[in-house]
Amino acid sequence: GHMILLDEIVKLDVSEEFYSMFQVVIQLGAIL
């Protein structure tokens, strides 16, 4: 939810496909 809201405010200059992957895969850092 926070990542979706942050994306509304701060847009990464990337494709929609990459961002869809990014917001999930970034969680690997948290998991480690």
PDB file of all heavy atoms in Angstrom:
ATOM      1  N   GLY A   1       0.812  -1.211   0.000  1.00  0.00           N
ATOM      2  CA  GLY A   1       0.000   0.000   0.000  1.00  0.00           C
ATOM      3  C   GLY A   1       0.842   1.256   0.000  1.00  0.00           C
ATOM      4  O   GLY A   1       0.597   2.193  -0.770  1.00  0.00           O
ATOM      5  N   HIS A   2       1.868   1.279   0.835  1.00  0.00           N
ATOM      6  CA  HIS A   2       2.744   2.457   0.899  1.00  0.00           C
ATOM      7  C   HIS A   2       3.544   2.629  -0.393  1.00  0.00           C
ATOM      8  O   HIS A   2       3.791   3.754  -0.839  1.00  0.00           O
ATOM      9  CB  HIS A   2       3.694   2.360   2.095  1.00  0.00           C
ATOM     10  CG  HIS A   2       3.067   2.763   3.402  1.00  0.00           C
ATOM     11  ND1 HIS A   2       2.193   1.949   4.088  1.00  0.00           N
ATOM     12  CD2 HIS A   2       3.180   3.901   4.134  1.00  0.00           C
ATOM     13  CE1 HIS A   2       1.805   2.559   5.194  1.00  0.00           C
ATOM     14  NE2 HIS A   2       2.380   3.744   5.245  1.00  0.00           N
ATOM     15  N   MET A   3       3.949   1.505  -0.987  1.00  0.00           N
ATOM     16  CA  MET A   3       4.707   1.585  -2.242  1.00  0.00           C
ATOM     17  C   MET A   3       3.827   2.134  -3.364  1.00  0.00           C
ATOM     18  O   MET A   3       4.289   2.929  -4.198  1.00  0.00           O
ATOM     19  CB  MET A   3       5.249   0.208  -2.611  1.00  0.00           C
ATOM     20  CG  MET A   3       6.290  -0.336  -1.654  1.00  0.00           C
ATOM     21  SD  MET A   3       7.875   0.535  -1.744  1.00  0.00           S
ATOM     22  CE  MET A   3       8.637  -0.348  -3.088  1.00  0.00           C
ATOM     23  N   ILE A   4       2.556   1.722  -3.382  1.00  0.00           N
ATOM     24  CA  ILE A   4       1.628   2.244  -4.385  1.00  0.00           C
ATOM     25  C   ILE A   4       1.429   3.741  -4.190  1.00  0.00           C
ATOM     26  O   ILE A   4       1.448   4.528  -5.146  1.00  0.00           O
ATOM     27  CB  ILE A   4       0.282   1.502  -4.318  1.00  0.00           C
ATOM     28  CG1 ILE A   4       0.445   0.054  -4.799  1.00  0.00           C
ATOM     29  CG2 ILE A   4      -0.780   2.211  -5.166  1.00  0.00           C
ATOM     30  CD1 ILE A   4      -0.792  -0.801  -4.610  1.00  0.00           C
ATOM     31  N   LEU A   5       1.271   4.152  -2.934  1.00  0.00           N
ATOM     32  CA  LEU A   5       1.066   5.571  -2.641  1.00  0.00           C
ATOM     33  C   LEU A   5       2.323   6.381  -2.945  1.00  0.00           C
ATOM     34  O   LEU A   5       2.249   7.499  -3.476  1.00  0.00           O
ATOM     35  CB  LEU A   5       0.668   5.740  -1.171  1.00  0.00           C
ATOM     36  CG  LEU A   5      -0.654   5.094  -0.769  1.00  0.00           C
ATOM     37  CD1 LEU A   5      -0.886   5.234   0.734  1.00  0.00           C
ATOM     38  CD2 LEU A   5      -1.807   5.706  -1.540  1.00  0.00           C
ATOM     39  N   LEU A   6       3.484   5.822  -2.619  1.00  0.00           N
ATOM     40  CA  LEU A   6       4.737   6.515  -2.917  1.00  0.00           C
ATOM     41  C   LEU A   6       4.905   6.700  -4.418  1.00  0.00           C
ATOM     42  O   LEU A   6       5.377   7.749  -4.876  1.00  0.00           O
ATOM     43  CB  LEU A   6       5.923   5.727  -2.347  1.00  0.00           C
ATOM     44  CG  LEU A   6       7.311   6.345  -2.548  1.00  0.00           C
ATOM     45  CD1 LEU A   6       7.392   7.728  -1.914  1.00  0.00           C
ATOM     46  CD2 LEU A   6       8.393   5.420  -1.966  1.00  0.00           C
ATOM     47  N   ASP A   7       4.493   5.695  -5.179  1.00  0.00           N
ATOM     48  CA  ASP A   7       4.589   5.788  -6.632  1.00  0.00           C
ATOM     49  C   ASP A   7       3.692   6.891  -7.191  1.00  0.00           C
ATOM     50  O   ASP A   7       3.969   7.436  -8.259  1.00  0.00           O
ATOM     51  CB  ASP A   7       4.200   4.439  -7.258  1.00  0.00           C
ATOM     52  CG  ASP A   7       4.327   4.448  -8.773  1.00  0.00           C
ATOM     53  OD1 ASP A   7       5.416   4.787  -9.270  1.00  0.00           O
ATOM     54  OD2 ASP A   7       3.334   4.133  -9.454  1.00  0.00           O
ATOM     55  N   GLU A   8       2.629   7.218  -6.471  1.00  0.00           N
ATOM     56  CA  GLU A   8       1.765   8.319  -6.890  1.00  0.00           C
ATOM     57  C   GLU A   8       2.472   9.665  -6.735  1.00  0.00           C
ATOM     58  O   GLU A   8       2.177  10.628  -7.436  1.00  0.00           O
ATOM     59  CB  GLU A   8       0.471   8.326  -6.068  1.00  0.00           C
ATOM     60  CG  GLU A   8      -0.442   7.135  -6.282  1.00  0.00           C
ATOM     61  CD  GLU A   8      -1.287   7.278  -7.528  1.00  0.00           C
ATOM     62  OE1 GLU A   8      -1.251   8.365  -8.150  1.00  0.00           O
ATOM     63  OE2 GLU A   8      -1.988   6.310  -7.897  1.00  0.00           O
ATOM     64  N   ILE A   9       3.411   9.717  -5.795  1.00  0.00           N
ATOM     65  CA  ILE A   9       4.096  10.979  -5.469  1.00  0.00           C
ATOM     66  C   ILE A   9       5.465  11.062  -6.131  1.00  0.00           C
ATOM     67  O   ILE A   9       5.842  12.088  -6.697  1.00  0.00           O
ATOM     68  CB  ILE A   9       4.251  11.118  -3.940  1.00  0.00           C
ATOM     69  CG1 ILE A   9       2.878  11.053  -3.262  1.00  0.00           C
ATOM     70  CG2 ILE A   9       4.953  12.427  -3.579  1.00  0.00           C
ATOM     71  CD1 ILE A   9       2.940  10.896  -1.752  1.00  0.00           C
ATOM     72  N   VAL A  10       6.214   9.960  -6.054  1.00  0.00           N
ATOM     73  CA  VAL A  10       7.582   9.920  -6.593  1.00  0.00           C
ATOM     74  C   VAL A  10       7.646   8.836  -7.666  1.00  0.00           C
ATOM     75  O   VAL A  10       7.715   7.647  -7.350  1.00  0.00           O
ATOM     76  CB  VAL A  10       8.613   9.623  -5.487  1.00  0.00           C
ATOM     77  CG1 VAL A  10      10.025   9.609  -6.081  1.00  0.00           C
ATOM     78  CG2 VAL A  10       8.506  10.628  -4.362  1.00  0.00           C
ATOM     79  N   LYS A  11       7.627   9.228  -8.893  1.00  0.00           N
ATOM     80  CA  LYS A  11       7.627   8.278  -9.999  1.00  0.00           C
ATOM     81  C   LYS A  11       9.054   7.900 -10.400  1.00  0.00           C
ATOM     82  O   LYS A  11       9.883   8.774 -10.670  1.00  0.00           O
ATOM     83  CB  LYS A  11       6.920   8.869 -11.212  1.00  0.00           C
ATOM     84  CG  LYS A  11       5.411   9.031 -11.062  1.00  0.00           C
ATOM     85  CD  LYS A  11       4.699   7.712 -11.269  1.00  0.00           C
ATOM     86  CE  LYS A  11       3.186   7.897 -11.272  1.00  0.00           C
ATOM     87  NZ  LYS A  11       2.475   6.613 -11.436  1.00  0.00           N
ATOM     88  N   LEU A  12       9.318   6.600 -10.405  1.00  0.00           N
ATOM     89  CA  LEU A  12      10.575   6.136 -10.977  1.00  0.00           C
ATOM     90  C   LEU A  12      10.483   6.228 -12.498  1.00  0.00           C
ATOM     91  O   LEU A  12       9.444   5.896 -13.078  1.00  0.00           O
ATOM     92  CB  LEU A  12      10.850   4.688 -10.568  1.00  0.00           C
ATOM     93  CG  LEU A  12      11.425   4.444  -9.168  1.00  0.00           C
ATOM     94  CD1 LEU A  12      11.383   2.954  -8.849  1.00  0.00           C
ATOM     95  CD2 LEU A  12      12.840   4.969  -9.056  1.00  0.00           C
ATOM     96  N   ASP A  13      11.545   6.668 -13.132  1.00  0.00           N
ATOM     97  CA  ASP A  13      11.562   6.804 -14.586  1.00  0.00           C
ATOM     98  C   ASP A  13      11.899   5.453 -15.214  1.00  0.00           C
ATOM     99  O   ASP A  13      12.986   5.235 -15.760  1.00  0.00           O
ATOM    100  CB  ASP A  13      12.582   7.871 -15.008  1.00  0.00           C
ATOM    101  CG  ASP A  13      12.505   8.165 -16.507  1.00  0.00           C
ATOM    102  OD1 ASP A  13      11.484   7.804 -17.136  1.00  0.00           O
ATOM    103  OD2 ASP A  13      13.475   8.760 -17.035  1.00  0.00           O
ATOM    104  N   VAL A  14      10.941   4.528 -15.087  1.00  0.00           N
ATOM    105  CA  VAL A  14      11.123   3.167 -15.608  1.00  0.00           C
ATOM    106  C   VAL A  14       9.822   2.726 -16.273  1.00  0.00           C
ATOM    107  O   VAL A  14       8.788   3.380 -16.141  1.00  0.00           O
ATOM    108  CB  VAL A  14      11.487   2.173 -14.478  1.00  0.00           C
ATOM    109  CG1 VAL A  14      12.847   2.509 -13.879  1.00  0.00           C
ATOM    110  CG2 VAL A  14      10.409   2.179 -13.387  1.00  0.00           C
ATOM    111  N   SER A  15       9.873   1.606 -16.959  1.00  0.00           N
ATOM    112  CA  SER A  15       8.679   1.085 -17.612  1.00  0.00           C
ATOM    113  C   SER A  15       7.715   0.526 -16.568  1.00  0.00           C
ATOM    114  O   SER A  15       8.113   0.188 -15.452  1.00  0.00           O
ATOM    115  CB  SER A  15       9.058  -0.024 -18.600  1.00  0.00           C
ATOM    116  OG  SER A  15       9.567  -1.153 -17.904  1.00  0.00           O
ATOM    117  N   GLU A  16       6.449   0.408 -16.936  1.00  0.00           N
ATOM    118  CA  GLU A  16       5.446  -0.167 -16.040  1.00  0.00           C
ATOM    119  C   GLU A  16       5.787  -1.611 -15.705  1.00  0.00           C
ATOM    120  O   GLU A  16       5.567  -2.065 -14.572  1.00  0.00           O
ATOM    121  CB  GLU A  16       4.061  -0.091 -16.688  1.00  0.00           C
ATOM    122  CG  GLU A  16       3.484   1.320 -16.783  1.00  0.00           C
ATOM    123  CD  GLU A  16       2.062   1.317 -17.310  1.00  0.00           C
ATOM    124  OE1 GLU A  16       1.442   0.213 -17.345  1.00  0.00           O
ATOM    125  OE2 GLU A  16       1.556   2.388 -17.673  1.00  0.00           O
ATOM    126  N   GLU A  17       6.315  -2.337 -16.681  1.00  0.00           N
ATOM    127  CA  GLU A  17       6.670  -3.731 -16.462  1.00  0.00           C
ATOM    128  C   GLU A  17       7.784  -3.850 -15.413  1.00  0.00           C
ATOM    129  O   GLU A  17       7.724  -4.703 -14.531  1.00  0.00           O
ATOM    130  CB  GLU A  17       7.128  -4.385 -17.764  1.00  0.00           C
ATOM    131  CG  GLU A  17       6.038  -4.545 -18.823  1.00  0.00           C
ATOM    132  CD  GLU A  17       5.730  -3.227 -19.550  1.00  0.00           C
ATOM    133  OE1 GLU A  17       6.516  -2.253 -19.414  1.00  0.00           O
ATOM    134  OE2 GLU A  17       4.691  -3.180 -20.227  1.00  0.00           O
ATOM    135  N   PHE A  18       8.794  -2.978 -15.518  1.00  0.00           N
ATOM    136  CA  PHE A  18       9.892  -3.022 -14.556  1.00  0.00           C
ATOM    137  C   PHE A  18       9.399  -2.638 -13.169  1.00  0.00           C
ATOM    138  O   PHE A  18       9.756  -3.274 -12.175  1.00  0.00           O
ATOM    139  CB  PHE A  18      11.030  -2.093 -14.969  1.00  0.00           C
ATOM    140  CG  PHE A  18      12.129  -2.017 -13.933  1.00  0.00           C
ATOM    141  CD1 PHE A  18      13.105  -3.000 -13.865  1.00  0.00           C
ATOM    142  CD2 PHE A  18      12.167  -0.982 -13.013  1.00  0.00           C
ATOM    143  CE1 PHE A  18      14.103  -2.951 -12.904  1.00  0.00           C
ATOM    144  CE2 PHE A  18      13.162  -0.920 -12.043  1.00  0.00           C
ATOM    145  CZ  PHE A  18      14.127  -1.911 -11.995  1.00  0.00           C
ATOM    146  N   TYR A  19       8.574  -1.599 -13.066  1.00  0.00           N
ATOM    147  CA  TYR A  19       8.116  -1.157 -11.750  1.00  0.00           C
ATOM    148  C   TYR A  19       7.258  -2.220 -11.079  1.00  0.00           C
ATOM    149  O   TYR A  19       7.349  -2.431  -9.865  1.00  0.00           O
ATOM    150  CB  TYR A  19       7.330   0.152 -11.830  1.00  0.00           C
ATOM    151  CG  TYR A  19       6.891   0.603 -10.456  1.00  0.00           C
ATOM    152  CD1 TYR A  19       7.810   1.124  -9.560  1.00  0.00           C
ATOM    153  CD2 TYR A  19       5.573   0.429 -10.032  1.00  0.00           C
ATOM    154  CE1 TYR A  19       7.437   1.487  -8.277  1.00  0.00           C
ATOM    155  CE2 TYR A  19       5.190   0.785  -8.752  1.00  0.00           C
ATOM    156  CZ  TYR A  19       6.127   1.323  -7.888  1.00  0.00           C
ATOM    157  OH  TYR A  19       5.750   1.669  -6.612  1.00  0.00           O
ATOM    158  N   SER A  20       6.422  -2.908 -11.870  1.00  0.00           N
ATOM    159  CA  SER A  20       5.605  -3.982 -11.323  1.00  0.00           C
ATOM    160  C   SER A  20       6.476  -5.064 -10.703  1.00  0.00           C
ATOM    161  O   SER A  20       6.161  -5.623  -9.648  1.00  0.00           O
ATOM    162  CB  SER A  20       4.726  -4.588 -12.422  1.00  0.00           C
ATOM    163  OG  SER A  20       3.988  -5.669 -11.934  1.00  0.00           O
ATOM    164  N   MET A  21       7.607  -5.363 -11.347  1.00  0.00           N
ATOM    165  CA  MET A  21       8.554  -6.332 -10.822  1.00  0.00           C
ATOM    166  C   MET A  21       9.325  -5.750  -9.642  1.00  0.00           C
ATOM    167  O   MET A  21       9.508  -6.399  -8.604  1.00  0.00           O
ATOM    168  CB  MET A  21       9.515  -6.758 -11.935  1.00  0.00           C
ATOM    169  CG  MET A  21      10.581  -7.768 -11.531  1.00  0.00           C
ATOM    170  SD  MET A  21      12.073  -7.000 -10.828  1.00  0.00           S
ATOM    171  CE  MET A  21      12.664  -6.062 -12.241  1.00  0.00           C
ATOM    172  N   PHE A  22       9.751  -4.502  -9.752  1.00  0.00           N
ATOM    173  CA  PHE A  22      10.577  -3.838  -8.741  1.00  0.00           C
ATOM    174  C   PHE A  22       9.902  -3.806  -7.376  1.00  0.00           C
ATOM    175  O   PHE A  22      10.529  -4.105  -6.356  1.00  0.00           O
ATOM    176  CB  PHE A  22      10.905  -2.417  -9.201  1.00  0.00           C
ATOM    177  CG  PHE A  22      11.543  -1.552  -8.147  1.00  0.00           C
ATOM    178  CD1 PHE A  22      12.893  -1.669  -7.871  1.00  0.00           C
ATOM    179  CD2 PHE A  22      10.797  -0.604  -7.440  1.00  0.00           C
ATOM    180  CE1 PHE A  22      13.499  -0.865  -6.900  1.00  0.00           C
ATOM    181  CE2 PHE A  22      11.381   0.197  -6.478  1.00  0.00           C
ATOM    182  CZ  PHE A  22      12.736   0.065  -6.201  1.00  0.00           C
ATOM    183  N   GLN A  23       8.617  -3.443  -7.335  1.00  0.00           N
ATOM    184  CA  GLN A  23       7.941  -3.276  -6.053  1.00  0.00           C
ATOM    185  C   GLN A  23       7.758  -4.593  -5.306  1.00  0.00           C
ATOM    186  O   GLN A  23       7.470  -4.598  -4.106  1.00  0.00           O
ATOM    187  CB  GLN A  23       6.586  -2.586  -6.233  1.00  0.00           C
ATOM    188  CG  GLN A  23       5.549  -3.395  -6.975  1.00  0.00           C
ATOM    189  CD  GLN A  23       4.202  -2.678  -7.066  1.00  0.00           C
ATOM    190  OE1 GLN A  23       3.960  -1.721  -6.341  1.00  0.00           O
ATOM    191  NE2 GLN A  23       3.342  -3.125  -7.960  1.00  0.00           N
ATOM    192  N   VAL A  24       7.939  -5.709  -5.999  1.00  0.00           N
ATOM    193  CA  VAL A  24       7.893  -7.021  -5.351  1.00  0.00           C
ATOM    194  C   VAL A  24       9.297  -7.514  -5.022  1.00  0.00           C
ATOM    195  O   VAL A  24       9.575  -7.930  -3.891  1.00  0.00           O
ATOM    196  CB  VAL A  24       7.181  -8.053  -6.246  1.00  0.00           C
ATOM    197  CG1 VAL A  24       7.258  -9.452  -5.622  1.00  0.00           C
ATOM    198  CG2 VAL A  24       5.731  -7.655  -6.458  1.00  0.00           C
ATOM    199  N   VAL A  25      10.207  -7.438  -5.982  1.00  0.00           N
ATOM    200  CA  VAL A  25      11.548  -8.004  -5.808  1.00  0.00           C
ATOM    201  C   VAL A  25      12.375  -7.214  -4.803  1.00  0.00           C
ATOM    202  O   VAL A  25      13.273  -7.769  -4.158  1.00  0.00           O
ATOM    203  CB  VAL A  25      12.269  -8.099  -7.173  1.00  0.00           C
ATOM    204  CG1 VAL A  25      13.677  -8.643  -7.011  1.00  0.00           C
ATOM    205  CG2 VAL A  25      11.467  -8.991  -8.122  1.00  0.00           C
ATOM    206  N   ILE A  26      12.067  -5.944  -4.607  1.00  0.00           N
ATOM    207  CA  ILE A  26      12.782  -5.149  -3.606  1.00  0.00           C
ATOM    208  C   ILE A  26      12.618  -5.760  -2.215  1.00  0.00           C
ATOM    209  O   ILE A  26      13.449  -5.570  -1.322  1.00  0.00           O
ATOM    210  CB  ILE A  26      12.269  -3.682  -3.615  1.00  0.00           C
ATOM    211  CG1 ILE A  26      13.190  -2.787  -2.776  1.00  0.00           C
ATOM    212  CG2 ILE A  26      10.837  -3.602  -3.137  1.00  0.00           C
ATOM    213  CD1 ILE A  26      12.768  -1.330  -2.797  1.00  0.00           C
ATOM    214  N   GLN A  27      11.551  -6.562  -2.041  1.00  0.00           N
ATOM    215  CA  GLN A  27      11.296  -7.213  -0.763  1.00  0.00           C
ATOM    216  C   GLN A  27      12.363  -8.246  -0.410  1.00  0.00           C
ATOM    217  O   GLN A  27      12.498  -8.618   0.761  1.00  0.00           O
ATOM    218  CB  GLN A  27       9.927  -7.891  -0.785  1.00  0.00           C
ATOM    219  CG  GLN A  27       8.772  -6.919  -0.960  1.00  0.00           C
ATOM    220  CD  GLN A  27       7.440  -7.635  -1.153  1.00  0.00           C
ATOM    221  OE1 GLN A  27       7.388  -8.820  -1.484  1.00  0.00           O
ATOM    222  NE2 GLN A  27       6.352  -6.917  -0.947  1.00  0.00           N
ATOM    223  N   LEU A  28      13.122  -8.709  -1.394  1.00  0.00           N
ATOM    224  CA  LEU A  28      14.182  -9.676  -1.105  1.00  0.00           C
ATOM    225  C   LEU A  28      15.198  -9.106  -0.131  1.00  0.00           C
ATOM    226  O   LEU A  28      15.754  -9.831   0.702  1.00  0.00           O
ATOM    227  CB  LEU A  28      14.877 -10.094  -2.403  1.00  0.00           C
ATOM    228  CG  LEU A  28      14.128 -11.068  -3.304  1.00  0.00           C
ATOM    229  CD1 LEU A  28      14.927 -11.340  -4.570  1.00  0.00           C
ATOM    230  CD2 LEU A  28      13.833 -12.364  -2.577  1.00  0.00           C
ATOM    231  N   GLY A  29      15.460  -7.809  -0.226  1.00  0.00           N
ATOM    232  CA  GLY A  29      16.372  -7.177   0.720  1.00  0.00           C
ATOM    233  C   GLY A  29      15.846  -7.270   2.136  1.00  0.00           C
ATOM    234  O   GLY A  29      16.594  -7.585   3.084  1.00  0.00           O
ATOM    235  N   ALA A  30      14.546  -7.010   2.292  1.00  0.00           N
ATOM    236  CA  ALA A  30      13.923  -7.099   3.613  1.00  0.00           C
ATOM    237  C   ALA A  30      13.967  -8.533   4.139  1.00  0.00           C
ATOM    238  O   ALA A  30      14.207  -8.767   5.333  1.00  0.00           O
ATOM    239  CB  ALA A  30      12.480  -6.594   3.538  1.00  0.00           C
ATOM    240  N   ILE A  31      13.758  -9.493   3.255  1.00  0.00           N
ATOM    241  CA  ILE A  31      13.758 -10.899   3.659  1.00  0.00           C
ATOM    242  C   ILE A  31      15.133 -11.355   4.141  1.00  0.00           C
ATOM    243  O   ILE A  31      15.260 -12.128   5.082  1.00  0.00           O
ATOM    244  CB  ILE A  31      13.293 -11.781   2.489  1.00  0.00           C
ATOM    245  CG1 ILE A  31      11.783 -11.810   2.486  1.00  0.00           C
ATOM    246  CG2 ILE A  31      13.779 -13.194   2.612  1.00  0.00           C
ATOM    247  CD1 ILE A  31      11.198 -12.351   3.772  1.00  0.00           C
ATOM    248  N   LEU A  32      16.174 -10.878   3.490  1.00  0.00           N
ATOM    249  CA  LEU A  32      17.520 -11.256   3.906  1.00  0.00           C
ATOM    250  C   LEU A  32      17.806 -10.809   5.332  1.00  0.00           C
ATOM    251  O   LEU A  32      18.568 -11.446   6.059  1.00  0.00           O
ATOM    252  CB  LEU A  32      18.557 -10.673   2.936  1.00  0.00           C
ATOM    253  CG  LEU A  32      18.570 -11.297   1.541  1.00  0.00           C
ATOM    254  CD1 LEU A  32      19.568 -10.563   0.639  1.00  0.00           C
ATOM    255  CD2 LEU A  32      18.918 -12.785   1.614  1.00  0.00           C
TER     256      LEU A  32
END
